[in-house]
């Protein structure tokens, strides 16, 4: 290691700028994807009884809407994302 030489290479400025821009854009895209996942994790989740009240329907009607695929639930089926309620309300107008 002591006898190794470090060799510096001259790179045209445009090539360097292009490479740096590429690195920055990749980093920003990665950050955007991470932020999108974090946003979904922060989303408000409502228990089914509160979701039914928000929609102005009874619990059985909510169950039917879920079964028909009009309202989405979490993977365990216990909670309703607020975004799913918002989408349903906007579509039913």
PDB file of N, CA and C in Angstrom:
ATOM      1  N   UNK A   1       0.799  -1.192   0.000  1.00  0.00           N
ATOM      2  CA  UNK A   1       0.000   0.000   0.000  1.00  0.00           C
ATOM      3  C   UNK A   1       0.846   1.263   0.000  1.00  0.00           C
ATOM      4  N   UNK A   2       1.929   1.220   0.670  1.00  0.00           N
ATOM      5  CA  UNK A   2       2.744   2.418   0.778  1.00  0.00           C
ATOM      6  C   UNK A   2       3.304   2.852  -0.575  1.00  0.00           C
ATOM      7  N   UNK A   3       3.539   1.924  -1.462  1.00  0.00           N
ATOM      8  CA  UNK A   3       4.135   2.234  -2.748  1.00  0.00           C
ATOM      9  C   UNK A   3       3.111   2.537  -3.837  1.00  0.00           C
ATOM     10  N   UNK A   4       1.822   2.486  -3.491  1.00  0.00           N
ATOM     11  CA  UNK A   4       0.801   2.759  -4.489  1.00  0.00           C
ATOM     12  C   UNK A   4       0.795   4.241  -4.835  1.00  0.00           C
ATOM     13  N   UNK A   5       0.583   4.493  -6.115  1.00  0.00           N
ATOM     14  CA  UNK A   5       0.497   5.877  -6.567  1.00  0.00           C
ATOM     15  C   UNK A   5      -0.966   6.216  -6.805  1.00  0.00           C
ATOM     16  N   UNK A   6      -1.320   7.405  -6.435  1.00  0.00           N
ATOM     17  CA  UNK A   6      -2.661   7.890  -6.720  1.00  0.00           C
ATOM     18  C   UNK A   6      -2.574   8.668  -8.017  1.00  0.00           C
ATOM     19  N   UNK A   7      -3.417   8.278  -8.935  1.00  0.00           N
ATOM     20  CA  UNK A   7      -3.385   8.929 -10.228  1.00  0.00           C
ATOM     21  C   UNK A   7      -4.634   9.785 -10.398  1.00  0.00           C
ATOM     22  N   UNK A   8      -4.470  11.013 -10.737  1.00  0.00           N
ATOM     23  CA  UNK A   8      -5.582  11.924 -10.967  1.00  0.00           C
ATOM     24  C   UNK A   8      -5.849  12.000 -12.463  1.00  0.00           C
ATOM     25  N   UNK A   9      -7.101  11.985 -12.800  1.00  0.00           N
ATOM     26  CA  UNK A   9      -7.497  12.024 -14.191  1.00  0.00           C
ATOM     27  C   UNK A   9      -8.298  13.292 -14.415  1.00  0.00           C
ATOM     28  N   UNK A  10      -7.977  13.967 -15.472  1.00  0.00           N
ATOM     29  CA  UNK A  10      -8.747  15.162 -15.801  1.00  0.00           C
ATOM     30  C   UNK A  10      -9.999  14.748 -16.563  1.00  0.00           C
ATOM     31  N   UNK A  11     -11.103  15.276 -16.114  1.00  0.00           N
ATOM     32  CA  UNK A  11     -12.383  14.969 -16.746  1.00  0.00           C
ATOM     33  C   UNK A  11     -12.949  16.284 -17.256  1.00  0.00           C
ATOM     34  N   UNK A  12     -13.475  16.297 -18.439  1.00  0.00           N
ATOM     35  CA  UNK A  12     -14.088  17.521 -18.950  1.00  0.00           C
ATOM     36  C   UNK A  12     -15.218  17.971 -18.013  1.00  0.00           C
ATOM     37  N   UNK A  13     -15.338  19.270 -17.857  1.00  0.00           N
ATOM     38  CA  UNK A  13     -16.312  19.837 -16.938  1.00  0.00           C
ATOM     39  C   UNK A  13     -17.736  19.392 -17.271  1.00  0.00           C
ATOM     40  N   UNK A  14     -18.103  19.337 -18.520  1.00  0.00           N
ATOM     41  CA  UNK A  14     -19.455  18.937 -18.916  1.00  0.00           C
ATOM     42  C   UNK A  14     -19.751  17.507 -18.475  1.00  0.00           C
ATOM     43  N   UNK A  15     -18.766  16.613 -18.630  1.00  0.00           N
ATOM     44  CA  UNK A  15     -18.948  15.223 -18.225  1.00  0.00           C
ATOM     45  C   UNK A  15     -19.137  15.140 -16.711  1.00  0.00           C
ATOM     46  N   UNK A  16     -18.365  15.922 -15.979  1.00  0.00           N
ATOM     47  CA  UNK A  16     -18.478  15.952 -14.519  1.00  0.00           C
ATOM     48  C   UNK A  16     -19.842  16.486 -14.098  1.00  0.00           C
ATOM     49  N   UNK A  17     -20.288  17.573 -14.737  1.00  0.00           N
ATOM     50  CA  UNK A  17     -21.600  18.148 -14.414  1.00  0.00           C
ATOM     51  C   UNK A  17     -22.717  17.146 -14.707  1.00  0.00           C
ATOM     52  N   UNK A  18     -22.609  16.450 -15.825  1.00  0.00           N
ATOM     53  CA  UNK A  18     -23.617  15.467 -16.196  1.00  0.00           C
ATOM     54  C   UNK A  18     -23.679  14.351 -15.153  1.00  0.00           C
ATOM     55  N   UNK A  19     -22.512  13.874 -14.743  1.00  0.00           N
ATOM     56  CA  UNK A  19     -22.459  12.793 -13.751  1.00  0.00           C
ATOM     57  C   UNK A  19     -23.040  13.262 -12.421  1.00  0.00           C
ATOM     58  N   UNK A  20     -22.703  14.454 -11.979  1.00  0.00           N
ATOM     59  CA  UNK A  20     -23.218  14.981 -10.718  1.00  0.00           C
ATOM     60  C   UNK A  20     -24.725  15.178 -10.791  1.00  0.00           C
ATOM     61  N   UNK A  21     -25.219  15.688 -11.915  1.00  0.00           N
ATOM     62  CA  UNK A  21     -26.653  15.881 -12.085  1.00  0.00           C
ATOM     63  C   UNK A  21     -27.375  14.537 -12.017  1.00  0.00           C
ATOM     64  N   UNK A  22     -26.785  13.537 -12.631  1.00  0.00           N
ATOM     65  CA  UNK A  22     -27.364  12.205 -12.613  1.00  0.00           C
ATOM     66  C   UNK A  22     -27.456  11.669 -11.186  1.00  0.00           C
ATOM     67  N   UNK A  23     -26.420  11.867 -10.413  1.00  0.00           N
ATOM     68  CA  UNK A  23     -26.396  11.414  -9.015  1.00  0.00           C
ATOM     69  C   UNK A  23     -27.457  12.150  -8.191  1.00  0.00           C
ATOM     70  N   UNK A  24     -27.556  13.441  -8.371  1.00  0.00           N
ATOM     71  CA  UNK A  24     -28.531  14.243  -7.622  1.00  0.00           C
ATOM     72  C   UNK A  24     -29.957  13.827  -7.983  1.00  0.00           C
ATOM     73  N   UNK A  25     -30.241  13.648  -9.264  1.00  0.00           N
ATOM     74  CA  UNK A  25     -31.585  13.258  -9.687  1.00  0.00           C
ATOM     75  C   UNK A  25     -31.968  11.875  -9.156  1.00  0.00           C
ATOM     76  N   UNK A  26     -31.024  10.941  -9.191  1.00  0.00           N
ATOM     77  CA  UNK A  26     -31.286   9.612  -8.635  1.00  0.00           C
ATOM     78  C   UNK A  26     -31.588   9.688  -7.144  1.00  0.00           C
ATOM     79  N   UNK A  27     -30.822  10.509  -6.435  1.00  0.00           N
ATOM     80  CA  UNK A  27     -31.025  10.679  -5.000  1.00  0.00           C
ATOM     81  C   UNK A  27     -32.384  11.302  -4.711  1.00  0.00           C
ATOM     82  N   UNK A  28     -32.782  12.296  -5.498  1.00  0.00           N
ATOM     83  CA  UNK A  28     -34.087  12.936  -5.300  1.00  0.00           C
ATOM     84  C   UNK A  28     -35.237  11.965  -5.577  1.00  0.00           C
ATOM     85  N   UNK A  29     -35.108  11.157  -6.616  1.00  0.00           N
ATOM     86  CA  UNK A  29     -36.148  10.169  -6.916  1.00  0.00           C
ATOM     87  C   UNK A  29     -36.275   9.162  -5.776  1.00  0.00           C
ATOM     88  N   UNK A  30     -35.135   8.734  -5.257  1.00  0.00           N
ATOM     89  CA  UNK A  30     -35.144   7.794  -4.145  1.00  0.00           C
ATOM     90  C   UNK A  30     -35.798   8.433  -2.922  1.00  0.00           C
ATOM     91  N   UNK A  31     -35.481   9.696  -2.655  1.00  0.00           N
ATOM     92  CA  UNK A  31     -36.082  10.411  -1.531  1.00  0.00           C
ATOM     93  C   UNK A  31     -37.595  10.513  -1.713  1.00  0.00           C
ATOM     94  N   UNK A  32     -38.047  10.814  -2.926  1.00  0.00           N
ATOM     95  CA  UNK A  32     -39.484  10.920  -3.198  1.00  0.00           C
ATOM     96  C   UNK A  32     -40.196   9.599  -2.934  1.00  0.00           C
ATOM     97  N   UNK A  33     -39.581   8.485  -3.341  1.00  0.00           N
ATOM     98  CA  UNK A  33     -40.193   7.176  -3.093  1.00  0.00           C
ATOM     99  C   UNK A  33     -40.275   6.889  -1.592  1.00  0.00           C
ATOM    100  N   UNK A  34     -39.218   7.210  -0.879  1.00  0.00           N
ATOM    101  CA  UNK A  34     -39.207   6.991   0.577  1.00  0.00           C
ATOM    102  C   UNK A  34     -40.268   7.858   1.240  1.00  0.00           C
ATOM    103  N   UNK A  35     -40.368   9.108   0.825  1.00  0.00           N
ATOM    104  CA  UNK A  35     -41.340  10.033   1.405  1.00  0.00           C
ATOM    105  C   UNK A  35     -42.774   9.561   1.131  1.00  0.00           C
ATOM    106  N   UNK A  36     -43.016   9.001  -0.048  1.00  0.00           N
ATOM    107  CA  UNK A  36     -44.347   8.490  -0.381  1.00  0.00           C
ATOM    108  C   UNK A  36     -44.722   7.334   0.550  1.00  0.00           C
ATOM    109  N   UNK A  37     -43.781   6.452   0.817  1.00  0.00           N
ATOM    110  CA  UNK A  37     -44.034   5.340   1.742  1.00  0.00           C
ATOM    111  C   UNK A  37     -44.298   5.872   3.147  1.00  0.00           C
ATOM    112  N   UNK A  38     -43.531   6.871   3.561  1.00  0.00           N
ATOM    113  CA  UNK A  38     -43.741   7.458   4.881  1.00  0.00           C
ATOM    114  C   UNK A  38     -45.110   8.117   4.987  1.00  0.00           C
ATOM    115  N   UNK A  39     -45.550   8.779   3.916  1.00  0.00           N
ATOM    116  CA  UNK A  39     -46.871   9.415   3.922  1.00  0.00           C
ATOM    117  C   UNK A  39     -47.965   8.382   4.116  1.00  0.00           C
ATOM    118  N   UNK A  40     -47.847   7.260   3.417  1.00  0.00           N
ATOM    119  CA  UNK A  40     -48.854   6.210   3.548  1.00  0.00           C
ATOM    120  C   UNK A  40     -48.863   5.654   4.965  1.00  0.00           C
ATOM    121  N   UNK A  41     -47.688   5.548   5.573  1.00  0.00           N
ATOM    122  CA  UNK A  41     -47.612   5.039   6.939  1.00  0.00           C
ATOM    123  C   UNK A  41     -48.250   6.013   7.925  1.00  0.00           C
ATOM    124  N   UNK A  42     -48.216   7.316   7.617  1.00  0.00           N
ATOM    125  CA  UNK A  42     -48.780   8.328   8.497  1.00  0.00           C
ATOM    126  C   UNK A  42     -50.285   8.501   8.309  1.00  0.00           C
ATOM    127  N   UNK A  43     -50.850   7.848   7.305  1.00  0.00           N
ATOM    128  CA  UNK A  43     -52.253   8.044   6.972  1.00  0.00           C
ATOM    129  C   UNK A  43     -53.154   7.654   8.139  1.00  0.00           C
ATOM    130  N   UNK A  44     -54.247   8.392   8.277  1.00  0.00           N
ATOM    131  CA  UNK A  44     -55.212   8.123   9.327  1.00  0.00           C
ATOM    132  C   UNK A  44     -55.975   6.841   9.020  1.00  0.00           C
ATOM    133  N   UNK A  45     -56.018   5.958   9.988  1.00  0.00           N
ATOM    134  CA  UNK A  45     -56.769   4.712   9.866  1.00  0.00           C
ATOM    135  C   UNK A  45     -57.912   4.747  10.865  1.00  0.00           C
ATOM    136  N   UNK A  46     -59.111   4.457  10.386  1.00  0.00           N
ATOM    137  CA  UNK A  46     -60.282   4.490  11.252  1.00  0.00           C
ATOM    138  C   UNK A  46     -60.782   3.080  11.530  1.00  0.00           C
ATOM    139  N   UNK A  47     -61.216   2.829  12.779  1.00  0.00           N
ATOM    140  CA  UNK A  47     -61.897   1.554  13.025  1.00  0.00           C
ATOM    141  C   UNK A  47     -63.193   1.531  12.219  1.00  0.00           C
ATOM    142  N   UNK A  48     -63.716   0.355  11.964  1.00  0.00           N
ATOM    143  CA  UNK A  48     -64.894   0.232  11.107  1.00  0.00           C
ATOM    144  C   UNK A  48     -66.098   1.009  11.641  1.00  0.00           C
ATOM    145  N   UNK A  49     -66.300   1.023  12.956  1.00  0.00           N
ATOM    146  CA  UNK A  49     -67.467   1.731  13.483  1.00  0.00           C
ATOM    147  C   UNK A  49     -67.362   3.242  13.251  1.00  0.00           C
ATOM    148  N   UNK A  50     -66.163   3.808  13.398  1.00  0.00           N
ATOM    149  CA  UNK A  50     -65.983   5.242  13.127  1.00  0.00           C
ATOM    150  C   UNK A  50     -66.074   5.530  11.633  1.00  0.00           C
ATOM    151  N   UNK A  51     -65.576   4.604  10.830  1.00  0.00           N
ATOM    152  CA  UNK A  51     -65.665   4.782   9.375  1.00  0.00           C
ATOM    153  C   UNK A  51     -67.125   4.794   8.942  1.00  0.00           C
ATOM    154  N   UNK A  52     -67.939   3.907   9.528  1.00  0.00           N
ATOM    155  CA  UNK A  52     -69.369   3.874   9.199  1.00  0.00           C
ATOM    156  C   UNK A  52     -70.030   5.200   9.578  1.00  0.00           C
ATOM    157  N   UNK A  53     -69.690   5.743  10.744  1.00  0.00           N
ATOM    158  CA  UNK A  53     -70.252   7.030  11.167  1.00  0.00           C
ATOM    159  C   UNK A  53     -69.823   8.142  10.217  1.00  0.00           C
ATOM    160  N   UNK A  54     -68.557   8.127   9.809  1.00  0.00           N
ATOM    161  CA  UNK A  54     -68.049   9.147   8.887  1.00  0.00           C
ATOM    162  C   UNK A  54     -68.796   9.097   7.559  1.00  0.00           C
ATOM    163  N   UNK A  55     -69.089   7.891   7.102  1.00  0.00           N
ATOM    164  CA  UNK A  55     -69.808   7.721   5.838  1.00  0.00           C
ATOM    165  C   UNK A  55     -71.313   7.958   5.988  1.00  0.00           C
ATOM    166  N   UNK A  56     -71.791   7.926   7.223  1.00  0.00           N
ATOM    167  CA  UNK A  56     -73.222   8.095   7.446  1.00  0.00           C
ATOM    168  C   UNK A  56     -74.027   6.856   7.104  1.00  0.00           C
ATOM    169  N   UNK A  57     -73.413   5.689   7.283  1.00  0.00           N
ATOM    170  CA  UNK A  57     -74.090   4.424   7.010  1.00  0.00           C
ATOM    171  C   UNK A  57     -73.986   3.530   8.235  1.00  0.00           C
ATOM    172  N   UNK A  58     -74.785   2.473   8.262  1.00  0.00           N
ATOM    173  CA  UNK A  58     -74.683   1.525   9.369  1.00  0.00           C
ATOM    174  C   UNK A  58     -73.506   0.582   9.126  1.00  0.00           C
ATOM    175  N   UNK A  59     -73.158  -0.151  10.171  1.00  0.00           N
ATOM    176  CA  UNK A  59     -72.022  -1.056  10.104  1.00  0.00           C
ATOM    177  C   UNK A  59     -72.218  -2.106   9.009  1.00  0.00           C
ATOM    178  N   UNK A  60     -73.434  -2.636   8.881  1.00  0.00           N
ATOM    179  CA  UNK A  60     -73.700  -3.676   7.863  1.00  0.00           C
ATOM    180  C   UNK A  60     -73.541  -3.131   6.446  1.00  0.00           C
ATOM    181  N   UNK A  61     -73.948  -1.880   6.239  1.00  0.00           N
ATOM    182  CA  UNK A  61     -73.774  -1.264   4.919  1.00  0.00           C
ATOM    183  C   UNK A  61     -72.294  -1.102   4.604  1.00  0.00           C
ATOM    184  N   UNK A  62     -71.521  -0.698   5.610  1.00  0.00           N
ATOM    185  CA  UNK A  62     -70.072  -0.580   5.419  1.00  0.00           C
ATOM    186  C   UNK A  62     -69.485  -1.940   5.060  1.00  0.00           C
ATOM    187  N   UNK A  63     -69.918  -2.979   5.742  1.00  0.00           N
ATOM    188  CA  UNK A  63     -69.422  -4.331   5.441  1.00  0.00           C
ATOM    189  C   UNK A  63     -69.744  -4.702   3.991  1.00  0.00           C
ATOM    190  N   UNK A  64     -70.937  -4.342   3.524  1.00  0.00           N
ATOM    191  CA  UNK A  64     -71.315  -4.629   2.143  1.00  0.00           C
ATOM    192  C   UNK A  64     -70.438  -3.856   1.164  1.00  0.00           C
ATOM    193  N   UNK A  65     -70.169  -2.572   1.462  1.00  0.00           N
ATOM    194  CA  UNK A  65     -69.322  -1.747   0.596  1.00  0.00           C
ATOM    195  C   UNK A  65     -67.908  -2.325   0.506  1.00  0.00           C
ATOM    196  N   UNK A  66     -67.429  -2.831   1.623  1.00  0.00           N
ATOM    197  CA  UNK A  66     -66.098  -3.452   1.643  1.00  0.00           C
ATOM    198  C   UNK A  66     -66.112  -4.724   0.791  1.00  0.00           C
ATOM    199  N   UNK A  67     -67.151  -5.538   0.974  1.00  0.00           N
ATOM    200  CA  UNK A  67     -67.256  -6.801   0.224  1.00  0.00           C
ATOM    201  C   UNK A  67     -67.341  -6.548  -1.278  1.00  0.00           C
ATOM    202  N   UNK A  68     -68.036  -5.465  -1.656  1.00  0.00           N
ATOM    203  CA  UNK A  68     -68.164  -5.120  -3.076  1.00  0.00           C
ATOM    204  C   UNK A  68     -66.908  -4.446  -3.629  1.00  0.00           C
ATOM    205  N   UNK A  69     -65.952  -4.146  -2.765  1.00  0.00           N
ATOM    206  CA  UNK A  69     -64.706  -3.537  -3.217  1.00  0.00           C
ATOM    207  C   UNK A  69     -64.781  -2.034  -3.386  1.00  0.00           C
ATOM    208  N   UNK A  70     -65.831  -1.420  -2.872  1.00  0.00           N
ATOM    209  CA  UNK A  70     -65.990   0.029  -3.000  1.00  0.00           C
ATOM    210  C   UNK A  70     -65.225   0.781  -1.920  1.00  0.00           C
ATOM    211  N   UNK A  71     -64.954   0.124  -0.812  1.00  0.00           N
ATOM    212  CA  UNK A  71     -64.160   0.690   0.284  1.00  0.00           C
ATOM    213  C   UNK A  71     -63.014  -0.273   0.543  1.00  0.00           C
ATOM    214  N   UNK A  72     -61.809   0.259   0.635  1.00  0.00           N
ATOM    215  CA  UNK A  72     -60.624  -0.557   0.890  1.00  0.00           C
ATOM    216  C   UNK A  72     -60.336  -0.593   2.392  1.00  0.00           C
ATOM    217  N   UNK A  73     -59.786  -1.699   2.845  1.00  0.00           N
ATOM    218  CA  UNK A  73     -59.379  -1.830   4.243  1.00  0.00           C
ATOM    219  C   UNK A  73     -57.871  -2.072   4.304  1.00  0.00           C
ATOM    220  N   UNK A  74     -57.354  -2.082   5.522  1.00  0.00           N
ATOM    221  CA  UNK A  74     -55.965  -2.490   5.707  1.00  0.00           C
ATOM    222  C   UNK A  74     -55.878  -3.982   5.422  1.00  0.00           C
ATOM    223  N   UNK A  75     -54.681  -4.511   5.336  1.00  0.00           N
ATOM    224  CA  UNK A  75     -54.515  -5.927   4.999  1.00  0.00           C
ATOM    225  C   UNK A  75     -55.207  -6.854   5.990  1.00  0.00           C
ATOM    226  N   UNK A  76     -55.232  -6.456   7.266  1.00  0.00           N
ATOM    227  CA  UNK A  76     -55.889  -7.306   8.256  1.00  0.00           C
ATOM    228  C   UNK A  76     -57.404  -7.130   8.257  1.00  0.00           C
ATOM    229  N   UNK A  77     -57.927  -6.160   7.508  1.00  0.00           N
ATOM    230  CA  UNK A  77     -59.356  -5.944   7.385  1.00  0.00           C
ATOM    231  C   UNK A  77     -60.007  -5.262   8.567  1.00  0.00           C
ATOM    232  N   UNK A  78     -59.199  -4.761   9.495  1.00  0.00           N
ATOM    233  CA  UNK A  78     -59.757  -4.186  10.721  1.00  0.00           C
ATOM    234  C   UNK A  78     -59.934  -2.673  10.663  1.00  0.00           C
ATOM    235  N   UNK A  79     -59.192  -2.008   9.817  1.00  0.00           N
ATOM    236  CA  UNK A  79     -59.242  -0.544   9.768  1.00  0.00           C
ATOM    237  C   UNK A  79     -59.489  -0.075   8.346  1.00  0.00           C
ATOM    238  N   UNK A  80     -60.005   1.157   8.257  1.00  0.00           N
ATOM    239  CA  UNK A  80     -60.306   1.760   6.960  1.00  0.00           C
ATOM    240  C   UNK A  80     -59.436   3.012   6.805  1.00  0.00           C
ATOM    241  N   UNK A  81     -58.618   3.105   5.757  1.00  0.00           N
ATOM    242  CA  UNK A  81     -57.846   4.334   5.533  1.00  0.00           C
ATOM    243  C   UNK A  81     -58.782   5.504   5.191  1.00  0.00           C
ATOM    244  N   UNK A  82     -58.475   6.645   5.745  1.00  0.00           N
ATOM    245  CA  UNK A  82     -59.270   7.843   5.462  1.00  0.00           C
ATOM    246  C   UNK A  82     -59.313   8.122   3.964  1.00  0.00           C
ATOM    247  N   UNK A  83     -58.231   7.843   3.260  1.00  0.00           N
ATOM    248  CA  UNK A  83     -58.195   8.090   1.816  1.00  0.00           C
ATOM    249  C   UNK A  83     -59.231   7.238   1.081  1.00  0.00           C
ATOM    250  N   UNK A  84     -59.475   6.016   1.557  1.00  0.00           N
ATOM    251  CA  UNK A  84     -60.476   5.157   0.937  1.00  0.00           C
ATOM    252  C   UNK A  84     -61.872   5.743   1.113  1.00  0.00           C
ATOM    253  N   UNK A  85     -62.131   6.307   2.278  1.00  0.00           N
ATOM    254  CA  UNK A  85     -63.422   6.961   2.538  1.00  0.00           C
ATOM    255  C   UNK A  85     -63.579   8.184   1.643  1.00  0.00           C
ATOM    256  N   UNK A  86     -62.519   8.981   1.548  1.00  0.00           N
ATOM    257  CA  UNK A  86     -62.556  10.187   0.713  1.00  0.00           C
ATOM    258  C   UNK A  86     -62.828   9.837  -0.748  1.00  0.00           C
ATOM    259  N   UNK A  87     -62.168   8.804  -1.239  1.00  0.00           N
ATOM    260  CA  UNK A  87     -62.358   8.382  -2.632  1.00  0.00           C
ATOM    261  C   UNK A  87     -63.805   7.945  -2.845  1.00  0.00           C
ATOM    262  N   UNK A  88     -64.332   7.152  -1.922  1.00  0.00           N
ATOM    263  CA  UNK A  88     -65.716   6.678  -2.061  1.00  0.00           C
ATOM    264  C   UNK A  88     -66.686   7.861  -2.055  1.00  0.00           C
ATOM    265  N   UNK A  89     -66.498   8.797  -1.133  1.00  0.00           N
ATOM    266  CA  UNK A  89     -67.399   9.962  -1.058  1.00  0.00           C
ATOM    267  C   UNK A  89     -67.335  10.803  -2.319  1.00  0.00           C
ATOM    268  N   UNK A  90     -66.140  10.975  -2.875  1.00  0.00           N
ATOM    269  CA  UNK A  90     -65.998  11.762  -4.108  1.00  0.00           C
ATOM    270  C   UNK A  90     -66.637  11.062  -5.313  1.00  0.00           C
ATOM    271  N   UNK A  91     -66.562   9.740  -5.343  1.00  0.00           N
ATOM    272  CA  UNK A  91     -67.150   8.983  -6.461  1.00  0.00           C
ATOM    273  C   UNK A  91     -68.670   8.930  -6.377  1.00  0.00           C
ATOM    274  N   UNK A  92     -69.205   8.990  -5.172  1.00  0.00           N
ATOM    275  CA  UNK A  92     -70.653   8.850  -5.016  1.00  0.00           C
ATOM    276  C   UNK A  92     -71.395  10.169  -5.168  1.00  0.00           C
ATOM    277  N   UNK A  93     -70.670  11.254  -5.424  1.00  0.00           N
ATOM    278  CA  UNK A  93     -71.307  12.561  -5.611  1.00  0.00           C
ATOM    279  C   UNK A  93     -71.971  12.669  -6.962  1.00  0.00           C
TER     280      UNK A  93
END
